[in-house]
Amino acid sequence: MIQDCVFVRRGDERVTELIRDFSAPRAEVFQAWTTAGSIEQWWGPHFVFITDCHFEARRGGSYRIEMTGDEGQRYPIYGMVREYHANERLAWQVCLDEHPESWTGIFRPRGTHLEHVIMEWEYEITFQDVPGGTRVTVTSTYPVEEDILTMLAAGATVGWGESFEKLDRLLATSGADERSH
């Protein structure tokens, strides 16, 4: 079920929502978000591959996803799982301070009021049944308004869209594997 990837602002808050439906049962989709072996297969845009991934699927657990670009540039994210409700809801902090200066400098230019603002976002991901599959809503909260505009200008729509294309393929493959048994 290929769909456009569109971020929607939530009023005047520093929040975006990204809603995407997948043609798979909720438990399968949730597992793909919380199992390192699955995350490695779909996380990130097409130009990256995952070189390190762990995910402690529990409240208070830690996670780390290290993406590496075609030219060897590392883009690690890490943090703590703040909420974990199996097959329903996840919330985690997204620490971006280990990203390369070329990337963080776009968000935190030196000599500006943004230079020392922490590079930490919050994600809340909910999973709900819809006809034919599962609806995933990714709600992102940012420390400053500028992060939203910069994130969109830097290609987040394309990045999430490509990730979700890979997730569609993974879910289709895992569903076919289960049906063949």
Protein backbone atom coordinates (compact mmCIF):
# COMPACT_ATOMS: atom_id res chain seq x y z
CA MET A 1 0.00 0.00 0.00
CA ILE A 2 2.32 2.78 -1.29
CA GLN A 3 1.32 6.18 0.06
CA ASP A 4 2.72 9.67 0.16
CA CYS A 5 4.48 10.65 3.34
CA VAL A 6 2.99 13.89 4.66
CA PHE A 7 3.70 15.69 7.92
CA VAL A 8 0.83 17.62 9.46
CA ARG A 9 1.31 20.37 12.02
CA ARG A 10 -0.72 20.18 15.21
CA GLY A 11 -1.92 23.75 15.74
CA ASP A 12 0.65 26.16 17.13
CA GLU A 13 2.49 23.45 19.05
CA ARG A 14 6.04 22.35 18.18
CA VAL A 15 4.56 19.03 17.03
CA THR A 16 4.15 17.19 13.75
CA GLU A 17 2.14 14.10 12.98
CA LEU A 18 2.90 11.57 10.29
CA ILE A 19 0.13 9.04 9.62
CA ARG A 20 0.69 5.93 7.51
CA ASP A 21 -1.35 2.77 6.96
CA PHE A 22 0.29 -0.62 6.45
CA SER A 23 -1.25 -3.81 5.03
CA ALA A 24 -0.29 -6.01 7.97
CA PRO A 25 -1.72 -6.93 11.38
CA ARG A 26 -0.94 -4.57 14.24
CA ALA A 27 1.24 -7.10 16.11
CA GLU A 28 3.50 -7.52 13.03
CA VAL A 29 3.84 -3.78 12.52
CA PHE A 30 4.59 -3.21 16.20
CA GLN A 31 7.21 -5.97 16.16
CA ALA A 32 8.89 -4.33 13.16
CA TRP A 33 9.25 -1.13 15.22
CA THR A 34 10.61 -2.89 18.32
CA THR A 35 12.89 -5.68 17.10
CA ALA A 36 16.47 -4.76 16.18
CA GLY A 37 16.61 -7.34 13.39
CA SER A 38 13.52 -5.80 11.78
CA ILE A 39 14.54 -2.17 12.36
CA GLU A 40 17.84 -2.90 10.58
CA GLN A 41 15.88 -3.86 7.46
CA TRP A 42 13.68 -0.79 7.10
CA TRP A 43 14.91 2.19 9.10
CA GLY A 44 16.30 5.16 7.19
CA PRO A 45 16.23 6.50 3.65
CA HIS A 46 17.55 4.49 0.70
CA PHE A 47 21.06 6.01 0.83
CA VAL A 48 21.82 4.59 4.30
CA PHE A 49 22.32 1.15 5.75
CA ILE A 50 22.24 0.20 9.42
CA THR A 51 25.65 -0.62 10.90
CA ASP A 52 24.60 -0.91 14.55
CA CYS A 53 21.18 -1.48 16.04
CA HIS A 54 19.81 -2.51 19.38
CA PHE A 55 16.38 -1.94 20.90
CA GLU A 56 15.37 -2.89 24.43
CA ALA A 57 11.63 -3.34 24.00
CA ARG A 58 10.51 -2.17 27.43
CA ARG A 59 9.81 1.04 29.32
CA GLY A 60 13.16 2.46 30.43
CA GLY A 61 15.02 0.43 27.83
CA SER A 62 17.62 1.96 25.60
CA TYR A 63 17.96 1.89 21.85
CA ARG A 64 20.57 2.85 19.29
CA ILE A 65 20.26 2.94 15.52
CA GLU A 66 23.39 3.85 13.63
CA MET A 67 22.85 4.69 9.99
CA THR A 68 25.81 4.93 7.64
CA GLY A 69 25.53 6.73 4.32
CA ASP A 70 26.90 5.62 0.95
CA GLU A 71 30.06 7.66 1.53
CA GLY A 72 30.67 6.30 5.03
CA GLN A 73 29.10 9.20 6.96
CA ARG A 74 27.54 8.02 10.26
CA TYR A 75 24.10 9.22 11.45
CA PRO A 76 23.49 7.65 14.89
CA ILE A 77 20.35 8.16 16.93
CA TYR A 78 19.89 6.82 20.42
CA GLY A 79 17.85 7.32 23.54
CA MET A 80 15.50 5.85 26.07
CA VAL A 81 12.17 4.15 25.56
CA ARG A 82 9.84 6.29 27.68
CA GLU A 83 6.65 4.27 27.14
CA TYR A 84 6.03 0.77 25.88
CA HIS A 85 2.53 -0.69 25.54
CA ALA A 86 2.73 -3.80 23.35
CA ASN A 87 0.94 -3.45 20.02
CA GLU A 88 -0.48 -0.04 21.00
CA ARG A 89 2.02 2.67 21.77
CA LEU A 90 5.71 3.56 22.01
CA ALA A 91 7.38 6.76 23.08
CA TRP A 92 11.09 7.43 22.94
CA GLN A 93 13.56 10.26 23.03
CA VAL A 94 15.63 10.82 19.91
CA CYS A 95 19.13 12.10 20.66
CA LEU A 96 20.86 13.44 17.56
CA ASP A 97 24.01 14.93 19.07
CA GLU A 98 26.27 12.28 17.50
CA HIS A 99 25.21 13.21 13.95
CA PRO A 100 27.97 14.81 11.86
CA GLU A 101 28.64 18.53 12.20
CA SER A 102 27.54 18.99 8.58
CA TRP A 103 24.07 17.85 9.65
CA THR A 104 23.82 19.31 13.16
CA GLY A 105 25.15 22.62 11.86
CA ILE A 106 22.02 22.96 9.73
CA PHE A 107 19.86 22.71 12.86
CA ARG A 108 22.23 24.42 15.32
CA PRO A 109 24.22 27.04 13.39
CA ARG A 110 27.14 28.45 15.33
CA GLY A 111 26.74 32.00 16.55
CA THR A 112 22.92 31.86 16.61
CA HIS A 113 20.39 31.52 19.41
CA LEU A 114 20.06 27.84 18.41
CA GLU A 115 23.72 26.88 18.85
CA HIS A 116 23.33 25.45 22.37
CA VAL A 117 19.77 24.08 22.16
CA ILE A 118 19.83 20.35 22.89
CA MET A 119 19.47 18.08 19.84
CA GLU A 120 16.75 15.89 21.30
CA TRP A 121 13.32 15.23 19.89
CA GLU A 122 10.49 13.09 21.25
CA TYR A 123 8.61 10.48 19.21
CA GLU A 124 5.30 8.92 20.16
CA ILE A 125 4.19 6.11 17.88
CA THR A 126 0.68 4.69 18.08
CA PHE A 127 -0.67 1.59 16.35
CA GLN A 128 -4.36 1.04 15.62
CA ASP A 129 -6.37 -1.42 13.59
CA VAL A 130 -7.90 -0.11 10.37
CA PRO A 131 -9.66 -2.04 7.61
CA GLY A 132 -6.98 -4.01 5.80
CA GLY A 133 -4.18 -3.39 8.26
CA THR A 134 -2.66 -1.02 10.78
CA ARG A 135 -2.48 2.74 11.06
CA VAL A 136 0.77 4.10 12.50
CA THR A 137 0.86 7.66 13.76
CA VAL A 138 4.28 9.15 14.51
CA THR A 139 3.94 12.27 16.64
CA SER A 140 7.18 14.23 16.92
CA THR A 141 7.81 17.00 19.44
CA TYR A 142 10.71 19.42 18.95
CA PRO A 143 12.48 21.73 21.40
CA VAL A 144 12.25 24.76 19.06
CA GLU A 145 10.00 25.84 16.21
CA GLU A 146 12.93 26.12 13.81
CA ASP A 147 13.52 22.36 14.04
CA ILE A 148 10.26 21.62 12.26
CA LEU A 149 10.99 23.87 9.30
CA THR A 150 14.60 22.73 9.04
CA MET A 151 13.63 19.07 9.37
CA LEU A 152 11.16 19.37 6.51
CA ALA A 153 13.62 21.35 4.35
CA ALA A 154 16.35 18.74 5.03
CA GLY A 155 14.25 15.99 3.46
CA ALA A 156 12.40 14.28 6.33
CA THR A 157 9.41 13.67 4.08
CA VAL A 158 11.57 11.75 1.62
CA GLY A 159 13.49 9.94 4.39
CA TRP A 160 10.39 8.72 6.21
CA GLY A 161 8.71 7.89 2.89
CA GLU A 162 11.64 5.71 1.82
CA SER A 163 11.76 4.06 5.25
CA PHE A 164 8.08 3.24 5.01
CA GLU A 165 8.54 1.79 1.49
CA LYS A 166 11.12 -0.57 2.98
CA LEU A 167 8.79 -1.36 5.89
CA ASP A 168 6.01 -2.19 3.41
CA ARG A 169 8.33 -4.67 1.67
CA LEU A 170 9.44 -6.21 4.98
CA LEU A 171 5.86 -6.65 6.17
CA ALA A 172 4.80 -8.16 2.84
CA THR A 173 7.70 -10.63 3.04
CA SER A 174 7.09 -11.57 6.67
CA GLY A 175 3.37 -12.01 6.00
CA ALA A 176 4.09 -14.25 3.02
CA ASP A 177 6.53 -16.30 5.13
CA GLU A 178 3.88 -16.84 7.81
CA ARG A 179 1.21 -17.79 5.26
CA SER A 180 3.50 -20.43 3.70
CA HIS A 181 3.81 -22.31 7.04
